[in-house]
Amino acid sequence: MRKELYIFKDGKPLKMTIRRYGTSDFRQMTAIQQESFPPPFPAELWWKEEQLAEHVARFPEGAICAEAEGRLIGSMTGLLVDGITLAGAHSWAAVTDNGYIRNHDPDGDTLYVVDISVIPAFRKSGVGKWLMQTMYETVVHLGLRRLLGGGRMPNYHLHKSEATPEQYVRKVLEGEWRDPVIGFLLRCGRVPVGIAEGYLKDEESGHCAAVMEWRNPFFEER
């Protein structure tokens, strides 16, 4: 898989390539996370080569990156899971095998998002949206039911004393409150379908995530 398109950076068109990442990209893949999640984000949570090696070996279709100006500027990773295993509450660590995806199910009907990252210099230029669109295309190509993933709610801590996570998401949907991550996912076509409590250690989000879905409009029951 490889495609070329244009994004707009500083008001000017810039050619970008989206492709699968491989072993030769591992150093730059870690650099993306270092730039995207600087300290005090714990360095031990940045991608390790062992994790990236599992991604490209187990589900290369779900290991994609964005390249421009001779370097990687963003990436997105997913794995396949059986929708039944997602019933009820789940954590990021459990559903992604702590980012190693050794629990990838080739027969799964759901593409679950492990991570999406764009370096700060290229944010708001459309990189993240095109990575997401590419993963939707993968869902259609593989005949999967849907794409699913947990979205952070970084502004929830501002309203935690007055709203539950469910009420917070509802207020964002009504346009009364704003959240940068939920807003981004909504603009990408994702729809909130629930709340996952204890999803990850994230004080800003109250350790919760908005579970957000994109359904394949071409899906046919097998």
N, C-alpha and C. Protein backbone atom coordinates (compact mmCIF):
# COMPACT_ATOMS: atom_id res chain seq x y z
N MET A 1 0.84 -1.19 0.00
CA MET A 1 0.00 0.00 0.00
C MET A 1 0.89 1.25 0.00
N ARG A 2 0.61 2.13 -0.92
CA ARG A 2 1.35 3.39 -1.01
C ARG A 2 0.50 4.39 -1.77
N LYS A 3 0.35 5.58 -1.23
CA LYS A 3 -0.37 6.60 -1.97
C LYS A 3 0.25 7.97 -1.71
N GLU A 4 0.15 8.83 -2.70
CA GLU A 4 0.68 10.18 -2.60
C GLU A 4 -0.46 11.18 -2.70
N LEU A 5 -0.37 12.22 -1.93
CA LEU A 5 -1.41 13.26 -1.93
C LEU A 5 -0.79 14.55 -1.42
N TYR A 6 -1.61 15.59 -1.38
CA TYR A 6 -1.12 16.89 -0.91
C TYR A 6 -1.81 17.30 0.38
N ILE A 7 -1.01 17.82 1.30
CA ILE A 7 -1.54 18.47 2.49
C ILE A 7 -1.17 19.95 2.38
N PHE A 8 -1.69 20.75 3.30
CA PHE A 8 -1.36 22.16 3.30
C PHE A 8 -0.65 22.52 4.60
N LYS A 9 0.59 22.97 4.47
CA LYS A 9 1.39 23.39 5.61
C LYS A 9 1.80 24.83 5.42
N ASP A 10 1.49 25.65 6.40
CA ASP A 10 1.77 27.10 6.33
C ASP A 10 1.12 27.70 5.09
N GLY A 11 -0.06 27.18 4.74
CA GLY A 11 -0.83 27.72 3.62
C GLY A 11 -0.37 27.29 2.26
N LYS A 12 0.62 26.39 2.18
CA LYS A 12 1.15 25.96 0.89
C LYS A 12 0.98 24.45 0.71
N PRO A 13 0.69 24.01 -0.52
CA PRO A 13 0.58 22.57 -0.76
C PRO A 13 1.92 21.88 -0.56
N LEU A 14 1.86 20.69 0.01
CA LEU A 14 3.07 19.90 0.26
C LEU A 14 2.73 18.44 -0.01
N LYS A 15 3.55 17.79 -0.83
CA LYS A 15 3.30 16.40 -1.16
C LYS A 15 3.63 15.50 0.03
N MET A 16 2.74 14.56 0.29
CA MET A 16 2.92 13.61 1.39
C MET A 16 2.67 12.20 0.87
N THR A 17 3.40 11.24 1.40
CA THR A 17 3.22 9.83 1.07
C THR A 17 2.73 9.09 2.30
N ILE A 18 1.72 8.25 2.11
CA ILE A 18 1.28 7.34 3.16
C ILE A 18 1.59 5.93 2.69
N ARG A 19 2.25 5.18 3.54
CA ARG A 19 2.70 3.83 3.20
C ARG A 19 2.81 3.00 4.45
N ARG A 20 3.10 1.72 4.30
CA ARG A 20 3.35 0.87 5.45
C ARG A 20 4.74 1.17 6.00
N TYR A 21 4.89 1.09 7.30
CA TYR A 21 6.24 1.23 7.85
C TYR A 21 6.89 -0.13 8.01
N GLY A 22 8.23 -0.14 7.96
CA GLY A 22 9.00 -1.38 8.06
C GLY A 22 10.17 -1.22 9.01
N THR A 23 11.01 -2.22 9.04
CA THR A 23 12.11 -2.23 10.00
C THR A 23 13.05 -1.04 9.83
N SER A 24 13.22 -0.57 8.60
CA SER A 24 14.13 0.56 8.38
C SER A 24 13.56 1.87 8.92
N ASP A 25 12.28 1.87 9.32
CA ASP A 25 11.63 3.08 9.84
C ASP A 25 11.58 3.13 11.36
N PHE A 26 12.06 2.10 12.03
CA PHE A 26 11.85 2.01 13.47
C PHE A 26 12.42 3.20 14.23
N ARG A 27 13.60 3.65 13.85
CA ARG A 27 14.20 4.79 14.57
C ARG A 27 13.32 6.02 14.43
N GLN A 28 12.84 6.29 13.22
CA GLN A 28 11.99 7.45 13.00
C GLN A 28 10.62 7.28 13.66
N MET A 29 10.12 6.05 13.74
CA MET A 29 8.84 5.81 14.41
C MET A 29 8.94 6.20 15.89
N THR A 30 10.05 5.85 16.52
CA THR A 30 10.24 6.25 17.91
C THR A 30 10.40 7.76 18.02
N ALA A 31 11.06 8.37 17.05
CA ALA A 31 11.24 9.83 17.05
C ALA A 31 9.91 10.55 16.97
N ILE A 32 8.95 9.99 16.20
CA ILE A 32 7.62 10.59 16.12
C ILE A 32 7.00 10.68 17.51
N GLN A 33 7.10 9.60 18.27
CA GLN A 33 6.51 9.61 19.61
C GLN A 33 7.28 10.53 20.56
N GLN A 34 8.59 10.60 20.40
CA GLN A 34 9.37 11.50 21.25
C GLN A 34 8.96 12.95 21.04
N GLU A 35 8.67 13.31 19.79
CA GLU A 35 8.24 14.68 19.49
C GLU A 35 6.78 14.90 19.88
N SER A 36 5.96 13.87 19.67
CA SER A 36 4.53 14.01 19.92
C SER A 36 4.20 13.98 21.41
N PHE A 37 4.97 13.21 22.17
CA PHE A 37 4.70 13.03 23.59
C PHE A 37 5.97 13.29 24.41
N PRO A 38 6.39 14.55 24.50
CA PRO A 38 7.63 14.87 25.23
C PRO A 38 7.43 14.74 26.74
N PRO A 39 8.51 14.73 27.52
CA PRO A 39 8.39 14.71 28.97
C PRO A 39 7.49 15.87 29.44
N PRO A 40 6.67 15.65 30.48
CA PRO A 40 6.76 14.55 31.45
C PRO A 40 6.12 13.23 31.02
N PHE A 41 5.69 13.10 29.76
CA PHE A 41 5.21 11.79 29.30
C PHE A 41 6.33 10.78 29.50
N PRO A 42 6.04 9.64 30.12
CA PRO A 42 7.12 8.68 30.43
C PRO A 42 7.76 8.09 29.19
N ALA A 43 9.08 8.17 29.13
CA ALA A 43 9.82 7.69 27.96
C ALA A 43 9.65 6.20 27.74
N GLU A 44 9.38 5.46 28.81
CA GLU A 44 9.24 4.01 28.65
C GLU A 44 7.98 3.62 27.87
N LEU A 45 7.09 4.59 27.65
CA LEU A 45 5.88 4.31 26.89
C LEU A 45 6.03 4.63 25.40
N TRP A 46 7.16 5.20 24.99
CA TRP A 46 7.40 5.38 23.56
C TRP A 46 7.59 4.02 22.92
N TRP A 47 7.37 3.94 21.60
CA TRP A 47 7.50 2.66 20.91
C TRP A 47 8.88 2.05 21.12
N LYS A 48 8.90 0.77 21.37
CA LYS A 48 10.15 0.01 21.42
C LYS A 48 10.28 -0.79 20.13
N GLU A 49 11.49 -1.10 19.74
CA GLU A 49 11.70 -1.86 18.50
C GLU A 49 10.99 -3.21 18.56
N GLU A 50 10.93 -3.82 19.73
CA GLU A 50 10.26 -5.11 19.85
C GLU A 50 8.77 -5.00 19.52
N GLN A 51 8.14 -3.90 19.94
CA GLN A 51 6.73 -3.69 19.63
C GLN A 51 6.54 -3.46 18.13
N LEU A 52 7.36 -2.58 17.56
CA LEU A 52 7.23 -2.28 16.14
C LEU A 52 7.46 -3.51 15.28
N ALA A 53 8.39 -4.37 15.70
CA ALA A 53 8.64 -5.61 14.96
C ALA A 53 7.41 -6.50 14.95
N GLU A 54 6.68 -6.53 16.07
CA GLU A 54 5.45 -7.32 16.12
C GLU A 54 4.40 -6.72 15.19
N HIS A 55 4.32 -5.40 15.12
CA HIS A 55 3.33 -4.75 14.26
C HIS A 55 3.51 -5.17 12.80
N VAL A 56 4.73 -5.04 12.31
CA VAL A 56 4.96 -5.29 10.88
C VAL A 56 4.91 -6.78 10.56
N ALA A 57 5.15 -7.62 11.55
CA ALA A 57 5.11 -9.07 11.31
C ALA A 57 3.70 -9.61 11.39
N ARG A 58 2.91 -9.14 12.35
CA ARG A 58 1.59 -9.72 12.59
C ARG A 58 0.49 -9.09 11.75
N PHE A 59 0.56 -7.76 11.54
CA PHE A 59 -0.52 -7.09 10.79
C PHE A 59 0.05 -5.89 10.05
N PRO A 60 0.82 -6.14 8.99
CA PRO A 60 1.43 -5.03 8.25
C PRO A 60 0.41 -4.06 7.66
N GLU A 61 -0.80 -4.56 7.37
CA GLU A 61 -1.84 -3.68 6.83
C GLU A 61 -2.24 -2.60 7.83
N GLY A 62 -2.01 -2.86 9.10
CA GLY A 62 -2.37 -1.90 10.14
C GLY A 62 -1.20 -1.10 10.65
N ALA A 63 -0.08 -1.12 9.94
CA ALA A 63 1.13 -0.39 10.35
C ALA A 63 1.46 0.62 9.26
N ILE A 64 0.97 1.86 9.39
CA ILE A 64 1.14 2.84 8.33
C ILE A 64 1.80 4.11 8.88
N CYS A 65 2.45 4.82 7.97
CA CYS A 65 3.13 6.05 8.35
C CYS A 65 2.93 7.10 7.27
N ALA A 66 3.16 8.35 7.65
CA ALA A 66 3.09 9.48 6.72
C ALA A 66 4.49 10.07 6.59
N GLU A 67 4.88 10.37 5.35
CA GLU A 67 6.23 10.85 5.07
C GLU A 67 6.16 12.13 4.24
N ALA A 68 6.93 13.14 4.63
CA ALA A 68 7.02 14.40 3.87
C ALA A 68 8.35 15.06 4.18
N GLU A 69 8.84 15.80 3.23
CA GLU A 69 10.11 16.51 3.39
C GLU A 69 11.24 15.57 3.82
N GLY A 70 11.18 14.33 3.33
CA GLY A 70 12.26 13.38 3.57
C GLY A 70 12.29 12.74 4.94
N ARG A 71 11.18 12.84 5.69
CA ARG A 71 11.15 12.25 7.03
C ARG A 71 9.74 11.79 7.37
N LEU A 72 9.62 10.93 8.37
CA LEU A 72 8.31 10.51 8.84
C LEU A 72 7.73 11.60 9.74
N ILE A 73 6.46 11.92 9.51
CA ILE A 73 5.83 13.00 10.27
C ILE A 73 4.61 12.51 11.06
N GLY A 74 4.21 11.27 10.84
CA GLY A 74 3.06 10.73 11.56
C GLY A 74 2.96 9.24 11.34
N SER A 75 2.18 8.59 12.18
CA SER A 75 1.99 7.15 12.05
C SER A 75 0.67 6.73 12.67
N MET A 76 0.22 5.54 12.30
CA MET A 76 -1.00 4.97 12.87
C MET A 76 -0.85 3.46 12.87
N THR A 77 -1.28 2.84 13.95
CA THR A 77 -1.14 1.40 14.11
C THR A 77 -2.45 0.80 14.58
N GLY A 78 -2.78 -0.38 14.06
CA GLY A 78 -3.99 -1.06 14.49
C GLY A 78 -3.78 -2.56 14.52
N LEU A 79 -4.76 -3.27 15.05
CA LEU A 79 -4.78 -4.73 15.03
C LEU A 79 -6.21 -5.17 14.85
N LEU A 80 -6.41 -6.44 14.51
CA LEU A 80 -7.75 -6.98 14.37
C LEU A 80 -8.14 -7.71 15.64
N VAL A 81 -9.37 -7.48 16.07
CA VAL A 81 -9.93 -8.16 17.23
C VAL A 81 -11.33 -8.64 16.89
N ASP A 82 -11.79 -9.62 17.63
CA ASP A 82 -13.16 -10.09 17.52
C ASP A 82 -14.05 -9.15 18.32
N GLY A 83 -15.09 -8.64 17.71
CA GLY A 83 -15.97 -7.70 18.40
C GLY A 83 -16.54 -8.22 19.69
N ILE A 84 -16.70 -9.51 19.78
CA ILE A 84 -17.27 -10.10 20.99
C ILE A 84 -16.35 -9.87 22.18
N THR A 85 -15.04 -9.88 21.94
CA THR A 85 -14.09 -9.71 23.05
C THR A 85 -14.10 -8.28 23.59
N LEU A 86 -14.74 -7.35 22.87
CA LEU A 86 -14.79 -5.96 23.30
C LEU A 86 -16.04 -5.65 24.11
N ALA A 87 -16.89 -6.65 24.30
CA ALA A 87 -18.12 -6.43 25.05
C ALA A 87 -17.77 -6.01 26.48
N GLY A 88 -18.43 -4.99 26.97
CA GLY A 88 -18.15 -4.50 28.31
C GLY A 88 -16.92 -3.61 28.33
N ALA A 89 -16.41 -3.35 29.53
CA ALA A 89 -15.27 -2.46 29.69
C ALA A 89 -13.98 -3.13 29.22
N HIS A 90 -13.07 -2.33 28.70
CA HIS A 90 -11.77 -2.85 28.32
C HIS A 90 -10.74 -1.73 28.45
N SER A 91 -9.50 -2.11 28.65
CA SER A 91 -8.42 -1.14 28.77
C SER A 91 -7.56 -1.19 27.53
N TRP A 92 -6.80 -0.11 27.31
CA TRP A 92 -5.87 -0.07 26.17
C TRP A 92 -4.85 -1.19 26.28
N ALA A 93 -4.32 -1.40 27.47
CA ALA A 93 -3.28 -2.42 27.66
C ALA A 93 -3.81 -3.80 27.32
N ALA A 94 -5.05 -4.10 27.74
CA ALA A 94 -5.60 -5.43 27.52
C ALA A 94 -5.91 -5.67 26.05
N VAL A 95 -6.52 -4.70 25.39
CA VAL A 95 -6.97 -4.93 24.01
C VAL A 95 -5.83 -4.85 23.01
N THR A 96 -4.73 -4.17 23.36
CA THR A 96 -3.59 -4.04 22.44
C THR A 96 -2.38 -4.87 22.87
N ASP A 97 -2.53 -5.66 23.93
CA ASP A 97 -1.41 -6.44 24.45
C ASP A 97 -0.25 -5.51 24.80
N ASN A 98 -0.58 -4.43 25.51
CA ASN A 98 0.42 -3.42 25.88
C ASN A 98 1.18 -2.88 24.67
N GLY A 99 0.50 -2.82 23.54
CA GLY A 99 1.11 -2.27 22.33
C GLY A 99 1.90 -3.26 21.52
N TYR A 100 1.97 -4.52 21.95
CA TYR A 100 2.72 -5.54 21.22
C TYR A 100 1.86 -6.27 20.18
N ILE A 101 0.54 -6.19 20.28
CA ILE A 101 -0.47 -6.80 19.42
C ILE A 101 -0.23 -8.29 19.15
N ARG A 102 0.34 -9.01 20.11
CA ARG A 102 0.52 -10.45 19.93
C ARG A 102 -0.81 -11.19 19.98
N ASN A 103 -1.86 -10.46 20.42
CA ASN A 103 -3.21 -11.03 20.44
C ASN A 103 -3.99 -10.71 19.15
N HIS A 104 -3.30 -10.22 18.14
CA HIS A 104 -3.94 -9.94 16.84
C HIS A 104 -4.67 -11.18 16.34
N ASP A 105 -5.94 -10.99 15.97
CA ASP A 105 -6.79 -12.09 15.50
C ASP A 105 -7.05 -11.92 14.00
N PRO A 106 -6.40 -12.71 13.15
CA PRO A 106 -6.59 -12.57 11.70
C PRO A 106 -8.04 -12.71 11.26
N ASP A 107 -8.87 -13.37 12.09
CA ASP A 107 -10.28 -13.55 11.75
C ASP A 107 -11.17 -12.51 12.42
N GLY A 108 -10.59 -11.55 13.09
CA GLY A 108 -11.37 -10.53 13.77
C GLY A 108 -12.15 -9.66 12.79
N ASP A 109 -13.26 -9.10 13.25
CA ASP A 109 -14.10 -8.27 12.37
C ASP A 109 -13.96 -6.78 12.66
N THR A 110 -13.09 -6.44 13.62
CA THR A 110 -12.93 -5.04 14.04
C THR A 110 -11.46 -4.63 13.98
N LEU A 111 -11.18 -3.54 13.29
CA LEU A 111 -9.83 -2.98 13.30
C LEU A 111 -9.77 -2.02 14.47
N TYR A 112 -8.95 -2.35 15.44
CA TYR A 112 -8.85 -1.54 16.65
C TYR A 112 -7.61 -0.66 16.58
N VAL A 113 -7.78 0.63 16.84
CA VAL A 113 -6.68 1.59 16.75
C VAL A 113 -5.81 1.49 18.00
N VAL A 114 -4.54 1.21 17.78
CA VAL A 114 -3.57 1.15 18.87
C VAL A 114 -3.02 2.54 19.16
N ASP A 115 -2.74 3.29 18.09
CA ASP A 115 -2.07 4.58 18.27
C ASP A 115 -2.18 5.39 16.99
N ILE A 116 -2.30 6.70 17.15
CA ILE A 116 -2.14 7.62 16.02
C ILE A 116 -1.36 8.82 16.54
N SER A 117 -0.30 9.19 15.83
CA SER A 117 0.57 10.28 16.27
C SER A 117 0.97 11.14 15.07
N VAL A 118 1.01 12.45 15.28
CA VAL A 118 1.51 13.40 14.29
C VAL A 118 2.41 14.38 15.01
N ILE A 119 3.59 14.64 14.46
CA ILE A 119 4.52 15.54 15.14
C ILE A 119 3.93 16.96 15.18
N PRO A 120 4.24 17.73 16.21
CA PRO A 120 3.62 19.05 16.38
C PRO A 120 3.72 19.97 15.17
N ALA A 121 4.84 19.94 14.45
CA ALA A 121 5.03 20.86 13.33
C ALA A 121 4.04 20.62 12.20
N PHE A 122 3.42 19.43 12.17
CA PHE A 122 2.50 19.11 11.08
C PHE A 122 1.06 18.94 11.54
N ARG A 123 0.78 19.29 12.77
CA ARG A 123 -0.59 19.19 13.23
C ARG A 123 -1.45 20.27 12.58
N LYS A 124 -2.72 19.95 12.40
CA LYS A 124 -3.70 20.83 11.75
C LYS A 124 -3.41 21.02 10.26
N SER A 125 -2.60 20.12 9.69
CA SER A 125 -2.34 20.19 8.25
C SER A 125 -3.05 19.07 7.50
N GLY A 126 -3.78 18.23 8.23
CA GLY A 126 -4.55 17.17 7.59
C GLY A 126 -3.90 15.80 7.64
N VAL A 127 -2.72 15.70 8.25
CA VAL A 127 -2.01 14.42 8.29
C VAL A 127 -2.81 13.36 9.03
N GLY A 128 -3.28 13.70 10.23
CA GLY A 128 -4.03 12.73 11.02
C GLY A 128 -5.30 12.27 10.33
N LYS A 129 -5.99 13.20 9.70
CA LYS A 129 -7.23 12.85 9.01
C LYS A 129 -6.96 11.90 7.85
N TRP A 130 -5.86 12.10 7.12
CA TRP A 130 -5.54 11.21 6.00
C TRP A 130 -5.07 9.85 6.48
N LEU A 131 -4.38 9.79 7.61
CA LEU A 131 -4.02 8.50 8.18
C LEU A 131 -5.29 7.73 8.55
N MET A 132 -6.24 8.42 9.17
CA MET A 132 -7.50 7.79 9.55
C MET A 132 -8.25 7.32 8.32
N GLN A 133 -8.31 8.17 7.30
CA GLN A 133 -9.00 7.80 6.06
C GLN A 133 -8.37 6.55 5.44
N THR A 134 -7.06 6.47 5.49
CA THR A 134 -6.37 5.30 4.94
C THR A 134 -6.74 4.04 5.72
N MET A 135 -6.89 4.16 7.02
CA MET A 135 -7.27 3.00 7.82
C MET A 135 -8.73 2.61 7.52
N TYR A 136 -9.59 3.58 7.23
CA TYR A 136 -10.96 3.23 6.80
C TYR A 136 -10.91 2.42 5.50
N GLU A 137 -10.04 2.85 4.59
CA GLU A 137 -9.89 2.12 3.33
C GLU A 137 -9.43 0.69 3.58
N THR A 138 -8.58 0.51 4.58
CA THR A 138 -8.13 -0.84 4.94
C THR A 138 -9.30 -1.67 5.46
N VAL A 139 -10.16 -1.05 6.26
CA VAL A 139 -11.36 -1.74 6.77
C VAL A 139 -12.22 -2.23 5.61
N VAL A 140 -12.44 -1.35 4.63
CA VAL A 140 -13.26 -1.72 3.47
C VAL A 140 -12.56 -2.81 2.66
N HIS A 141 -11.26 -2.63 2.42
CA HIS A 141 -10.51 -3.58 1.60
C HIS A 141 -10.54 -4.99 2.21
N LEU A 142 -10.45 -5.07 3.52
CA LEU A 142 -10.43 -6.37 4.20
C LEU A 142 -11.83 -6.90 4.51
N GLY A 143 -12.85 -6.12 4.19
CA GLY A 143 -14.22 -6.57 4.44
C GLY A 143 -14.58 -6.65 5.91
N LEU A 144 -14.02 -5.74 6.72
CA LEU A 144 -14.27 -5.75 8.15
C LEU A 144 -15.55 -5.00 8.50
N ARG A 145 -16.05 -5.26 9.69
CA ARG A 145 -17.29 -4.63 10.14
C ARG A 145 -17.09 -3.15 10.47
N ARG A 146 -15.96 -2.83 11.12
CA ARG A 146 -15.81 -1.48 11.64
C ARG A 146 -14.38 -1.19 12.06
N LEU A 147 -14.12 0.08 12.33
CA LEU A 147 -12.92 0.54 13.02
C LEU A 147 -13.37 1.06 14.37
N LEU A 148 -12.60 0.76 15.41
CA LEU A 148 -12.97 1.15 16.76
C LEU A 148 -11.71 1.56 17.51
N GLY A 149 -11.87 2.39 18.50
CA GLY A 149 -10.73 2.77 19.32
C GLY A 149 -11.15 3.71 20.42
N GLY A 150 -10.32 3.82 21.43
CA GLY A 150 -10.58 4.73 22.52
C GLY A 150 -9.92 6.07 22.29
N GLY A 151 -10.68 7.13 22.46
CA GLY A 151 -10.15 8.48 22.29
C GLY A 151 -9.98 9.19 23.62
N ARG A 152 -8.83 9.79 23.82
CA ARG A 152 -8.61 10.58 25.04
C ARG A 152 -9.62 11.72 25.13
N MET A 153 -9.84 12.19 26.35
CA MET A 153 -10.73 13.32 26.59
C MET A 153 -9.96 14.36 27.40
N PRO A 154 -8.95 14.98 26.80
CA PRO A 154 -8.01 15.80 27.57
C PRO A 154 -8.60 17.00 28.28
N ASN A 155 -9.79 17.46 27.87
CA ASN A 155 -10.41 18.60 28.56
C ASN A 155 -11.40 18.17 29.63
N TYR A 156 -11.55 16.87 29.82
CA TYR A 156 -12.53 16.40 30.81
C TYR A 156 -12.20 16.88 32.21
N HIS A 157 -10.91 16.98 32.54
CA HIS A 157 -10.55 17.39 33.90
C HIS A 157 -11.08 18.78 34.25
N LEU A 158 -11.36 19.59 33.23
CA LEU A 158 -11.91 20.93 33.47
C LEU A 158 -13.35 20.87 33.94
N HIS A 159 -14.02 19.76 33.69
CA HIS A 159 -15.45 19.63 34.01
C HIS A 159 -15.76 18.42 34.87
N LYS A 160 -14.71 17.76 35.37
CA LYS A 160 -14.91 16.51 36.09
C LYS A 160 -15.81 16.66 37.31
N SER A 161 -15.74 17.83 37.97
CA SER A 161 -16.53 18.04 39.18
C SER A 161 -18.02 18.22 38.90
N GLU A 162 -18.36 18.48 37.63
CA GLU A 162 -19.77 18.76 37.31
C GLU A 162 -20.39 17.78 36.33
N ALA A 163 -19.60 16.82 35.82
CA ALA A 163 -20.16 15.91 34.81
C ALA A 163 -19.47 14.56 34.86
N THR A 164 -20.24 13.53 34.58
CA THR A 164 -19.66 12.20 34.39
C THR A 164 -19.01 12.17 33.01
N PRO A 165 -18.18 11.18 32.70
CA PRO A 165 -17.61 11.10 31.36
C PRO A 165 -18.69 11.06 30.27
N GLU A 166 -19.78 10.33 30.52
CA GLU A 166 -20.87 10.27 29.53
C GLU A 166 -21.50 11.64 29.32
N GLN A 167 -21.72 12.37 30.40
CA GLN A 167 -22.30 13.71 30.29
C GLN A 167 -21.34 14.66 29.58
N TYR A 168 -20.06 14.49 29.83
CA TYR A 168 -19.05 15.34 29.17
C TYR A 168 -19.09 15.14 27.67
N VAL A 169 -19.10 13.88 27.22
CA VAL A 169 -19.15 13.61 25.79
C VAL A 169 -20.42 14.20 25.18
N ARG A 170 -21.54 14.07 25.90
CA ARG A 170 -22.80 14.62 25.40
C ARG A 170 -22.71 16.14 25.22
N LYS A 171 -22.07 16.81 26.18
CA LYS A 171 -21.91 18.26 26.08
C LYS A 171 -21.03 18.64 24.89
N VAL A 172 -20.01 17.83 24.62
CA VAL A 172 -19.16 18.08 23.45
C VAL A 172 -19.97 17.91 22.18
N LEU A 173 -20.80 16.87 22.12
CA LEU A 173 -21.63 16.63 20.94
C LEU A 173 -22.65 17.75 20.75
N GLU A 174 -23.10 18.34 21.84
CA GLU A 174 -24.07 19.44 21.75
C GLU A 174 -23.40 20.77 21.44
N GLY A 175 -22.07 20.79 21.41
CA GLY A 175 -21.34 22.01 21.09
C GLY A 175 -21.15 22.95 22.25
N GLU A 176 -21.53 22.51 23.46
CA GLU A 176 -21.40 23.38 24.63
C GLU A 176 -19.97 23.40 25.16
N TRP A 177 -19.31 22.23 25.11
CA TRP A 177 -17.91 22.13 25.52
C TRP A 177 -17.08 21.65 24.34
N ARG A 178 -15.79 21.92 24.42
CA ARG A 178 -14.88 21.52 23.34
C ARG A 178 -13.82 20.55 23.86
N ASP A 179 -13.47 19.60 23.03
CA ASP A 179 -12.40 18.67 23.35
C ASP A 179 -11.60 18.42 22.07
N PRO A 180 -10.28 18.66 22.09
CA PRO A 180 -9.49 18.57 20.85
C PRO A 180 -9.45 17.17 20.24
N VAL A 181 -9.37 16.13 21.08
CA VAL A 181 -9.28 14.78 20.54
C VAL A 181 -10.63 14.29 20.05
N ILE A 182 -11.66 14.43 20.87
CA ILE A 182 -12.99 14.01 20.43
C ILE A 182 -13.41 14.79 19.20
N GLY A 183 -13.10 16.10 19.18
CA GLY A 183 -13.45 16.91 18.01
C GLY A 183 -12.74 16.41 16.76
N PHE A 184 -11.47 16.07 16.89
CA PHE A 184 -10.73 15.53 15.74
C PHE A 184 -11.37 14.25 15.24
N LEU A 185 -11.70 13.34 16.15
CA LEU A 185 -12.28 12.06 15.74
C LEU A 185 -13.66 12.25 15.11
N LEU A 186 -14.43 13.19 15.62
CA LEU A 186 -15.73 13.49 15.01
C LEU A 186 -15.54 14.00 13.58
N ARG A 187 -14.56 14.87 13.38
CA ARG A 187 -14.31 15.41 12.03
C ARG A 187 -13.83 14.31 11.09
N CYS A 188 -13.26 13.25 11.65
CA CYS A 188 -12.82 12.11 10.83
C CYS A 188 -13.95 11.12 10.55
N GLY A 189 -15.12 11.38 11.11
CA GLY A 189 -16.25 10.49 10.85
C GLY A 189 -16.50 9.45 11.92
N ARG A 190 -15.77 9.51 13.01
CA ARG A 190 -15.97 8.55 14.10
C ARG A 190 -17.15 8.99 14.97
N VAL A 191 -17.84 8.01 15.56
CA VAL A 191 -19.03 8.27 16.37
C VAL A 191 -18.83 7.64 17.75
N PRO A 192 -19.11 8.39 18.83
CA PRO A 192 -18.96 7.80 20.17
C PRO A 192 -20.03 6.75 20.43
N VAL A 193 -19.59 5.59 20.95
CA VAL A 193 -20.53 4.50 21.23
C VAL A 193 -20.44 4.03 22.68
N GLY A 194 -19.63 4.69 23.50
CA GLY A 194 -19.54 4.30 24.90
C GLY A 194 -18.35 4.93 25.59
N ILE A 195 -18.21 4.62 26.85
CA ILE A 195 -17.09 5.09 27.67
C ILE A 195 -16.36 3.88 28.24
N ALA A 196 -15.05 3.89 28.15
CA ALA A 196 -14.23 2.84 28.76
C ALA A 196 -13.55 3.44 29.98
N GLU A 197 -13.95 3.01 31.16
CA GLU A 197 -13.34 3.49 32.40
C GLU A 197 -12.07 2.70 32.69
N GLY A 198 -11.11 3.36 33.30
CA GLY A 198 -9.84 2.71 33.57
C GLY A 198 -9.12 2.31 32.29
N TYR A 199 -9.31 3.10 31.23
CA TYR A 199 -8.75 2.75 29.92
C TYR A 199 -7.23 2.86 29.90
N LEU A 200 -6.73 3.93 30.52
CA LEU A 200 -5.28 4.13 30.61
C LEU A 200 -5.02 5.15 31.70
N LYS A 201 -3.77 5.24 32.15
CA LYS A 201 -3.43 6.22 33.17
C LYS A 201 -3.35 7.59 32.54
N ASP A 202 -4.36 8.40 32.79
CA ASP A 202 -4.48 9.69 32.12
C ASP A 202 -5.31 10.60 33.02
N GLU A 203 -4.64 11.40 33.82
CA GLU A 203 -5.34 12.27 34.75
C GLU A 203 -6.29 13.23 34.05
N GLU A 204 -5.86 13.79 32.92
CA GLU A 204 -6.70 14.76 32.22
C GLU A 204 -8.03 14.15 31.79
N SER A 205 -7.99 12.88 31.38
CA SER A 205 -9.20 12.21 30.90
C SER A 205 -9.93 11.47 32.02
N GLY A 206 -9.48 11.62 33.25
CA GLY A 206 -10.09 10.87 34.34
C GLY A 206 -9.89 9.38 34.18
N HIS A 207 -8.80 9.01 33.51
CA HIS A 207 -8.46 7.60 33.24
C HIS A 207 -9.51 6.92 32.37
N CYS A 208 -10.29 7.70 31.66
CA CYS A 208 -11.35 7.17 30.79
C CYS A 208 -11.03 7.47 29.33
N ALA A 209 -11.79 6.84 28.45
CA ALA A 209 -11.70 7.13 27.02
C ALA A 209 -13.09 7.06 26.41
N ALA A 210 -13.31 7.87 25.41
CA ALA A 210 -14.54 7.78 24.63
C ALA A 210 -14.31 6.72 23.56
N VAL A 211 -15.08 5.65 23.60
CA VAL A 211 -14.96 4.59 22.59
C VAL A 211 -15.67 5.08 21.34
N MET A 212 -14.91 5.21 20.23
CA MET A 212 -15.47 5.83 19.03
C MET A 212 -15.31 4.91 17.83
N GLU A 213 -16.33 4.86 17.02
CA GLU A 213 -16.47 3.84 15.98
C GLU A 213 -16.65 4.47 14.60
N TRP A 214 -16.18 3.77 13.60
CA TRP A 214 -16.53 4.05 12.20
C TRP A 214 -16.99 2.73 11.60
N ARG A 215 -18.23 2.70 11.10
CA ARG A 215 -18.78 1.47 10.54
C ARG A 215 -18.57 1.42 9.03
N ASN A 216 -18.18 0.27 8.56
CA ASN A 216 -17.97 0.05 7.14
C ASN A 216 -19.32 0.02 6.43
N PRO A 217 -19.61 1.00 5.58
CA PRO A 217 -20.91 1.03 4.91
C PRO A 217 -21.07 -0.09 3.88
N PHE A 218 -20.00 -0.77 3.53
CA PHE A 218 -20.05 -1.83 2.53
C PHE A 218 -20.00 -3.22 3.15
N PHE A 219 -20.03 -3.28 4.49
CA PHE A 219 -19.88 -4.57 5.16
C PHE A 219 -21.06 -5.49 4.89
N GLU A 220 -20.75 -6.74 4.61
CA GLU A 220 -21.77 -7.75 4.44
C GLU A 220 -21.49 -8.90 5.39
N GLU A 221 -22.50 -9.37 6.06
CA GLU A 221 -22.33 -10.49 7.00
C GLU A 221 -21.78 -11.70 6.26
N ARG A 222 -20.79 -12.33 6.90
CA ARG A 222 -20.19 -13.50 6.28
C ARG A 222 -21.07 -14.73 6.49
